[in-house]
Amino acid sequence: MSGISGIGGGAGGVQQIMQMRQQIIQRNDLLKQLHSTQGADASAVAGPAQTQEPAQGFADTLKNALDGVKSVQAKAEGLTEAYQKGEVTDVAKVMLARQEAGVAFEATLQVRNKLLSAYQDIMRMGV
């Protein structure tokens, strides 16, 4: 995993984390957009929706992101159970939901790894 390698010193590391965070938000918005327009007219699709306010704190942003991942995983689990019971017959819909949950979890894991690495780098600076 080349994206998990150590973060450069100081502001460069923070900048790298912020860029990665922005990419994850954009991908998440795109996934939400694709999911919400499934079955709708594709020509009605506009750019990714901005769902976060600039004044929102880091803890709130992180909590919202984790809540979003949790809801995507719960939806995928619900669709999987419904498919197993025979209530849902569209296997593509089930697989898309499971893939979306997997991508959301992987993105969360990558952010966690970067934050942990940044924290460890900061702790080493005091020594």
N, C-alpha and C. Protein backbone atom coordinates (compact mmCIF):
# COMPACT_ATOMS: atom_id res chain seq x y z
N MET A 1 0.84 -1.18 0.00
CA MET A 1 0.00 0.00 0.00
C MET A 1 0.87 1.23 0.00
N SER A 2 1.13 1.74 -1.15
CA SER A 2 2.04 2.87 -1.27
C SER A 2 1.45 4.15 -0.71
N GLY A 3 0.11 4.28 -0.64
CA GLY A 3 -0.51 5.48 -0.12
C GLY A 3 -0.42 5.61 1.39
N ILE A 4 0.05 4.57 2.07
CA ILE A 4 0.09 4.58 3.52
C ILE A 4 1.47 4.94 4.03
N SER A 5 2.42 5.15 3.16
CA SER A 5 3.78 5.46 3.60
C SER A 5 3.79 6.73 4.43
N GLY A 6 4.87 6.95 5.15
CA GLY A 6 4.97 8.05 6.11
C GLY A 6 4.67 9.40 5.50
N ILE A 7 4.17 10.28 6.33
CA ILE A 7 3.82 11.63 5.91
C ILE A 7 5.04 12.51 6.06
N GLY A 8 5.23 13.41 5.11
CA GLY A 8 6.35 14.34 5.19
C GLY A 8 6.24 15.24 6.39
N GLY A 9 7.22 16.05 6.61
CA GLY A 9 7.26 16.87 7.81
C GLY A 9 6.26 18.00 7.81
N GLY A 10 5.71 18.30 8.97
CA GLY A 10 4.93 19.50 9.25
C GLY A 10 3.76 19.78 8.34
N ALA A 11 3.77 21.00 7.75
CA ALA A 11 2.64 21.47 6.96
C ALA A 11 2.42 20.63 5.71
N GLY A 12 3.48 20.04 5.16
CA GLY A 12 3.33 19.18 3.99
C GLY A 12 2.46 17.98 4.30
N GLY A 13 2.62 17.39 5.48
CA GLY A 13 1.81 16.25 5.89
C GLY A 13 0.35 16.63 6.08
N VAL A 14 0.12 17.78 6.69
CA VAL A 14 -1.25 18.26 6.88
C VAL A 14 -1.89 18.53 5.53
N GLN A 15 -1.16 19.14 4.63
CA GLN A 15 -1.67 19.43 3.29
C GLN A 15 -2.03 18.14 2.57
N GLN A 16 -1.18 17.13 2.73
CA GLN A 16 -1.42 15.83 2.09
C GLN A 16 -2.69 15.19 2.65
N ILE A 17 -2.88 15.27 3.96
CA ILE A 17 -4.09 14.73 4.58
C ILE A 17 -5.32 15.48 4.10
N MET A 18 -5.23 16.79 4.01
CA MET A 18 -6.38 17.59 3.56
C MET A 18 -6.73 17.28 2.11
N GLN A 19 -5.72 17.07 1.26
CA GLN A 19 -5.99 16.71 -0.12
C GLN A 19 -6.65 15.35 -0.20
N MET A 20 -6.17 14.40 0.59
CA MET A 20 -6.75 13.07 0.60
C MET A 20 -8.19 13.11 1.10
N ARG A 21 -8.43 13.91 2.14
CA ARG A 21 -9.78 14.08 2.68
C ARG A 21 -10.71 14.64 1.60
N GLN A 22 -10.26 15.62 0.87
CA GLN A 22 -11.07 16.23 -0.18
C GLN A 22 -11.39 15.21 -1.28
N GLN A 23 -10.41 14.39 -1.64
CA GLN A 23 -10.64 13.35 -2.65
C GLN A 23 -11.67 12.35 -2.16
N ILE A 24 -11.59 11.98 -0.90
CA ILE A 24 -12.55 11.02 -0.35
C ILE A 24 -13.95 11.63 -0.34
N ILE A 25 -14.05 12.88 0.03
CA ILE A 25 -15.36 13.54 0.03
C ILE A 25 -15.92 13.59 -1.38
N GLN A 26 -15.09 13.92 -2.37
CA GLN A 26 -15.56 13.98 -3.74
C GLN A 26 -16.01 12.61 -4.23
N ARG A 27 -15.26 11.56 -3.90
CA ARG A 27 -15.65 10.21 -4.30
C ARG A 27 -16.94 9.78 -3.61
N ASN A 28 -17.06 10.14 -2.35
CA ASN A 28 -18.28 9.81 -1.60
C ASN A 28 -19.48 10.53 -2.21
N ASP A 29 -19.32 11.81 -2.55
CA ASP A 29 -20.40 12.55 -3.18
C ASP A 29 -20.77 11.93 -4.52
N LEU A 30 -19.78 11.49 -5.28
CA LEU A 30 -20.04 10.85 -6.57
C LEU A 30 -20.81 9.54 -6.37
N LEU A 31 -20.39 8.75 -5.38
CA LEU A 31 -21.11 7.50 -5.10
C LEU A 31 -22.56 7.78 -4.68
N LYS A 32 -22.75 8.79 -3.84
CA LYS A 32 -24.11 9.16 -3.43
C LYS A 32 -24.93 9.60 -4.63
N GLN A 33 -24.30 10.38 -5.50
CA GLN A 33 -24.99 10.87 -6.70
C GLN A 33 -25.37 9.71 -7.61
N LEU A 34 -24.44 8.79 -7.83
CA LEU A 34 -24.72 7.64 -8.67
C LEU A 34 -25.83 6.78 -8.07
N HIS A 35 -25.78 6.61 -6.77
CA HIS A 35 -26.78 5.78 -6.10
C HIS A 35 -28.16 6.43 -6.13
N SER A 36 -28.21 7.75 -5.91
CA SER A 36 -29.51 8.44 -5.87
C SER A 36 -30.13 8.57 -7.25
N THR A 37 -29.33 8.55 -8.30
CA THR A 37 -29.87 8.69 -9.65
C THR A 37 -30.07 7.35 -10.33
N GLN A 38 -29.83 6.25 -9.62
CA GLN A 38 -30.00 4.93 -10.22
C GLN A 38 -31.47 4.76 -10.60
N GLY A 39 -31.70 4.47 -11.84
CA GLY A 39 -33.06 4.33 -12.34
C GLY A 39 -33.67 5.64 -12.81
N ALA A 40 -33.02 6.77 -12.51
CA ALA A 40 -33.52 8.07 -12.96
C ALA A 40 -32.84 8.44 -14.27
N ASP A 41 -33.31 9.49 -14.87
CA ASP A 41 -32.74 9.96 -16.13
C ASP A 41 -31.33 10.47 -15.90
N ALA A 42 -30.35 9.95 -16.61
CA ALA A 42 -28.95 10.32 -16.43
C ALA A 42 -28.68 11.77 -16.82
N SER A 43 -29.50 12.35 -17.66
CA SER A 43 -29.28 13.73 -18.07
C SER A 43 -29.60 14.72 -16.95
N ALA A 44 -30.29 14.27 -15.93
CA ALA A 44 -30.63 15.15 -14.82
C ALA A 44 -29.50 15.26 -13.80
N VAL A 45 -28.42 14.53 -14.01
CA VAL A 45 -27.31 14.51 -13.06
C VAL A 45 -26.50 15.80 -13.18
N ALA A 46 -26.34 16.49 -12.07
CA ALA A 46 -25.52 17.70 -12.03
C ALA A 46 -24.21 17.35 -11.35
N GLY A 47 -23.39 18.35 -11.04
CA GLY A 47 -22.13 18.12 -10.35
C GLY A 47 -22.36 17.58 -8.95
N PRO A 48 -21.30 17.12 -8.30
CA PRO A 48 -21.42 16.59 -6.94
C PRO A 48 -21.98 17.63 -5.98
N ALA A 49 -22.89 17.21 -5.14
CA ALA A 49 -23.51 18.12 -4.18
C ALA A 49 -22.54 18.42 -3.04
N GLN A 50 -22.51 19.65 -2.60
CA GLN A 50 -21.69 20.02 -1.46
C GLN A 50 -22.58 19.89 -0.22
N THR A 51 -22.27 18.93 0.64
CA THR A 51 -23.11 18.65 1.78
C THR A 51 -22.54 19.17 3.08
N GLN A 52 -21.33 19.68 3.07
CA GLN A 52 -20.71 20.11 4.31
C GLN A 52 -20.55 21.62 4.34
N GLU A 53 -20.77 22.16 5.52
CA GLU A 53 -20.60 23.59 5.69
C GLU A 53 -19.13 23.87 6.03
N PRO A 54 -18.60 25.00 5.57
CA PRO A 54 -17.19 25.30 5.83
C PRO A 54 -16.89 25.48 7.31
N ALA A 55 -17.86 25.92 8.11
CA ALA A 55 -17.63 26.18 9.52
C ALA A 55 -17.64 24.91 10.37
N GLN A 56 -17.89 23.78 9.77
CA GLN A 56 -17.99 22.53 10.51
C GLN A 56 -16.61 22.13 11.04
N GLY A 57 -16.56 21.69 12.29
CA GLY A 57 -15.30 21.30 12.91
C GLY A 57 -14.83 19.93 12.44
N PHE A 58 -13.57 19.64 12.75
CA PHE A 58 -12.98 18.36 12.33
C PHE A 58 -13.72 17.18 12.96
N ALA A 59 -14.01 17.27 14.25
CA ALA A 59 -14.69 16.16 14.93
C ALA A 59 -16.08 15.92 14.32
N ASP A 60 -16.79 17.00 14.01
CA ASP A 60 -18.11 16.86 13.39
C ASP A 60 -18.01 16.25 11.99
N THR A 61 -17.02 16.69 11.25
CA THR A 61 -16.80 16.16 9.90
C THR A 61 -16.50 14.67 9.96
N LEU A 62 -15.64 14.29 10.88
CA LEU A 62 -15.28 12.88 11.03
C LEU A 62 -16.48 12.06 11.47
N LYS A 63 -17.26 12.58 12.40
CA LYS A 63 -18.46 11.87 12.86
C LYS A 63 -19.46 11.70 11.73
N ASN A 64 -19.67 12.74 10.95
CA ASN A 64 -20.60 12.65 9.81
C ASN A 64 -20.12 11.63 8.79
N ALA A 65 -18.82 11.60 8.55
CA ALA A 65 -18.27 10.64 7.59
C ALA A 65 -18.47 9.21 8.09
N LEU A 66 -18.20 8.99 9.37
CA LEU A 66 -18.38 7.65 9.94
C LEU A 66 -19.85 7.24 9.96
N ASP A 67 -20.74 8.20 10.24
CA ASP A 67 -22.17 7.91 10.20
C ASP A 67 -22.61 7.54 8.78
N GLY A 68 -22.03 8.23 7.79
CA GLY A 68 -22.35 7.91 6.40
C GLY A 68 -21.90 6.52 6.02
N VAL A 69 -20.71 6.14 6.46
CA VAL A 69 -20.21 4.78 6.19
C VAL A 69 -21.10 3.75 6.87
N LYS A 70 -21.49 4.05 8.09
CA LYS A 70 -22.36 3.12 8.84
C LYS A 70 -23.69 2.93 8.12
N SER A 71 -24.27 4.01 7.62
CA SER A 71 -25.56 3.90 6.93
C SER A 71 -25.43 3.15 5.61
N VAL A 72 -24.32 3.36 4.89
CA VAL A 72 -24.10 2.63 3.63
C VAL A 72 -23.95 1.14 3.91
N GLN A 73 -23.22 0.81 4.97
CA GLN A 73 -23.05 -0.60 5.33
C GLN A 73 -24.36 -1.23 5.78
N ALA A 74 -25.17 -0.49 6.53
CA ALA A 74 -26.46 -1.00 6.97
C ALA A 74 -27.39 -1.24 5.78
N LYS A 75 -27.35 -0.34 4.81
CA LYS A 75 -28.19 -0.49 3.62
C LYS A 75 -27.76 -1.73 2.84
N ALA A 76 -26.45 -1.91 2.68
CA ALA A 76 -25.95 -3.08 1.96
C ALA A 76 -26.34 -4.36 2.68
N GLU A 77 -26.25 -4.36 3.99
CA GLU A 77 -26.65 -5.53 4.78
C GLU A 77 -28.15 -5.82 4.60
N GLY A 78 -28.95 -4.75 4.63
CA GLY A 78 -30.39 -4.91 4.44
C GLY A 78 -30.73 -5.48 3.07
N LEU A 79 -30.07 -4.98 2.04
CA LEU A 79 -30.32 -5.49 0.68
C LEU A 79 -29.86 -6.94 0.55
N THR A 80 -28.75 -7.28 1.19
CA THR A 80 -28.25 -8.65 1.14
C THR A 80 -29.24 -9.60 1.80
N GLU A 81 -29.74 -9.22 2.96
CA GLU A 81 -30.73 -10.05 3.66
C GLU A 81 -32.01 -10.18 2.85
N ALA A 82 -32.44 -9.07 2.23
CA ALA A 82 -33.66 -9.11 1.42
C ALA A 82 -33.46 -10.02 0.21
N TYR A 83 -32.28 -10.01 -0.37
CA TYR A 83 -31.99 -10.88 -1.51
C TYR A 83 -32.01 -12.34 -1.08
N GLN A 84 -31.44 -12.62 0.08
CA GLN A 84 -31.41 -14.00 0.58
C GLN A 84 -32.82 -14.51 0.89
N LYS A 85 -33.71 -13.61 1.28
CA LYS A 85 -35.10 -13.99 1.56
C LYS A 85 -35.95 -14.05 0.30
N GLY A 86 -35.40 -13.56 -0.82
CA GLY A 86 -36.14 -13.56 -2.07
C GLY A 86 -36.99 -12.33 -2.28
N GLU A 87 -36.84 -11.33 -1.42
CA GLU A 87 -37.63 -10.09 -1.54
C GLU A 87 -37.08 -9.18 -2.63
N VAL A 88 -35.78 -9.23 -2.87
CA VAL A 88 -35.14 -8.42 -3.91
C VAL A 88 -34.59 -9.39 -4.94
N THR A 89 -34.91 -9.15 -6.21
CA THR A 89 -34.44 -10.05 -7.27
C THR A 89 -33.35 -9.44 -8.13
N ASP A 90 -33.06 -8.17 -7.94
CA ASP A 90 -32.04 -7.48 -8.74
C ASP A 90 -30.67 -7.66 -8.08
N VAL A 91 -29.94 -8.68 -8.55
CA VAL A 91 -28.64 -8.97 -7.95
C VAL A 91 -27.64 -7.84 -8.20
N ALA A 92 -27.79 -7.12 -9.29
CA ALA A 92 -26.88 -5.99 -9.58
C ALA A 92 -27.03 -4.90 -8.52
N LYS A 93 -28.25 -4.67 -8.09
CA LYS A 93 -28.49 -3.66 -7.05
C LYS A 93 -27.82 -4.08 -5.73
N VAL A 94 -27.92 -5.35 -5.41
CA VAL A 94 -27.31 -5.86 -4.18
C VAL A 94 -25.79 -5.75 -4.27
N MET A 95 -25.23 -6.16 -5.39
CA MET A 95 -23.78 -6.11 -5.56
C MET A 95 -23.26 -4.68 -5.55
N LEU A 96 -23.99 -3.76 -6.16
CA LEU A 96 -23.59 -2.35 -6.16
C LEU A 96 -23.57 -1.80 -4.73
N ALA A 97 -24.59 -2.14 -3.95
CA ALA A 97 -24.64 -1.67 -2.56
C ALA A 97 -23.48 -2.26 -1.75
N ARG A 98 -23.16 -3.53 -1.97
CA ARG A 98 -22.05 -4.16 -1.25
C ARG A 98 -20.72 -3.55 -1.67
N GLN A 99 -20.56 -3.27 -2.96
CA GLN A 99 -19.33 -2.64 -3.45
C GLN A 99 -19.18 -1.23 -2.89
N GLU A 100 -20.28 -0.49 -2.84
CA GLU A 100 -20.26 0.86 -2.30
C GLU A 100 -19.86 0.83 -0.82
N ALA A 101 -20.39 -0.13 -0.07
CA ALA A 101 -20.04 -0.26 1.34
C ALA A 101 -18.55 -0.61 1.49
N GLY A 102 -18.05 -1.46 0.62
CA GLY A 102 -16.64 -1.82 0.66
C GLY A 102 -15.73 -0.64 0.37
N VAL A 103 -16.10 0.15 -0.62
CA VAL A 103 -15.30 1.34 -0.97
C VAL A 103 -15.33 2.35 0.18
N ALA A 104 -16.50 2.54 0.77
CA ALA A 104 -16.62 3.49 1.88
C ALA A 104 -15.76 3.04 3.07
N PHE A 105 -15.78 1.74 3.36
CA PHE A 105 -14.97 1.22 4.46
C PHE A 105 -13.49 1.37 4.16
N GLU A 106 -13.08 1.05 2.94
CA GLU A 106 -11.67 1.16 2.56
C GLU A 106 -11.19 2.61 2.65
N ALA A 107 -12.02 3.55 2.22
CA ALA A 107 -11.65 4.97 2.31
C ALA A 107 -11.51 5.38 3.77
N THR A 108 -12.41 4.90 4.62
CA THR A 108 -12.34 5.21 6.05
C THR A 108 -11.06 4.63 6.65
N LEU A 109 -10.73 3.43 6.26
CA LEU A 109 -9.51 2.79 6.76
C LEU A 109 -8.26 3.57 6.33
N GLN A 110 -8.24 4.05 5.10
CA GLN A 110 -7.09 4.82 4.61
C GLN A 110 -6.95 6.13 5.38
N VAL A 111 -8.07 6.81 5.65
CA VAL A 111 -8.02 8.05 6.42
C VAL A 111 -7.52 7.76 7.83
N ARG A 112 -8.01 6.69 8.43
CA ARG A 112 -7.56 6.29 9.77
C ARG A 112 -6.06 6.07 9.78
N ASN A 113 -5.55 5.36 8.78
CA ASN A 113 -4.11 5.08 8.72
C ASN A 113 -3.30 6.37 8.58
N LYS A 114 -3.77 7.29 7.76
CA LYS A 114 -3.05 8.56 7.58
C LYS A 114 -3.08 9.39 8.87
N LEU A 115 -4.23 9.42 9.54
CA LEU A 115 -4.33 10.17 10.79
C LEU A 115 -3.43 9.55 11.86
N LEU A 116 -3.41 8.25 11.95
CA LEU A 116 -2.55 7.57 12.92
C LEU A 116 -1.07 7.86 12.64
N SER A 117 -0.71 7.82 11.38
CA SER A 117 0.67 8.11 11.00
C SER A 117 1.03 9.56 11.34
N ALA A 118 0.12 10.49 11.07
CA ALA A 118 0.38 11.89 11.39
C ALA A 118 0.51 12.08 12.90
N TYR A 119 -0.35 11.41 13.67
CA TYR A 119 -0.28 11.48 15.13
C TYR A 119 1.06 10.95 15.63
N GLN A 120 1.50 9.83 15.08
CA GLN A 120 2.77 9.26 15.51
C GLN A 120 3.93 10.19 15.15
N ASP A 121 3.86 10.81 13.99
CA ASP A 121 4.91 11.77 13.62
C ASP A 121 4.94 12.95 14.57
N ILE A 122 3.80 13.43 14.96
CA ILE A 122 3.71 14.57 15.90
C ILE A 122 4.27 14.17 17.25
N MET A 123 3.94 12.97 17.71
CA MET A 123 4.45 12.50 19.00
C MET A 123 5.97 12.34 18.97
N ARG A 124 6.53 11.96 17.84
CA ARG A 124 7.99 11.81 17.73
C ARG A 124 8.70 13.16 17.73
N MET A 125 8.01 14.23 17.33
CA MET A 125 8.63 15.55 17.28
C MET A 125 9.00 16.05 18.68
N GLY A 126 8.24 15.65 19.68
CA GLY A 126 8.50 16.12 21.04
C GLY A 126 9.70 15.48 21.67
N VAL A 127 10.21 14.41 21.09
CA VAL A 127 11.34 13.68 21.69
C VAL A 127 12.66 14.32 21.36
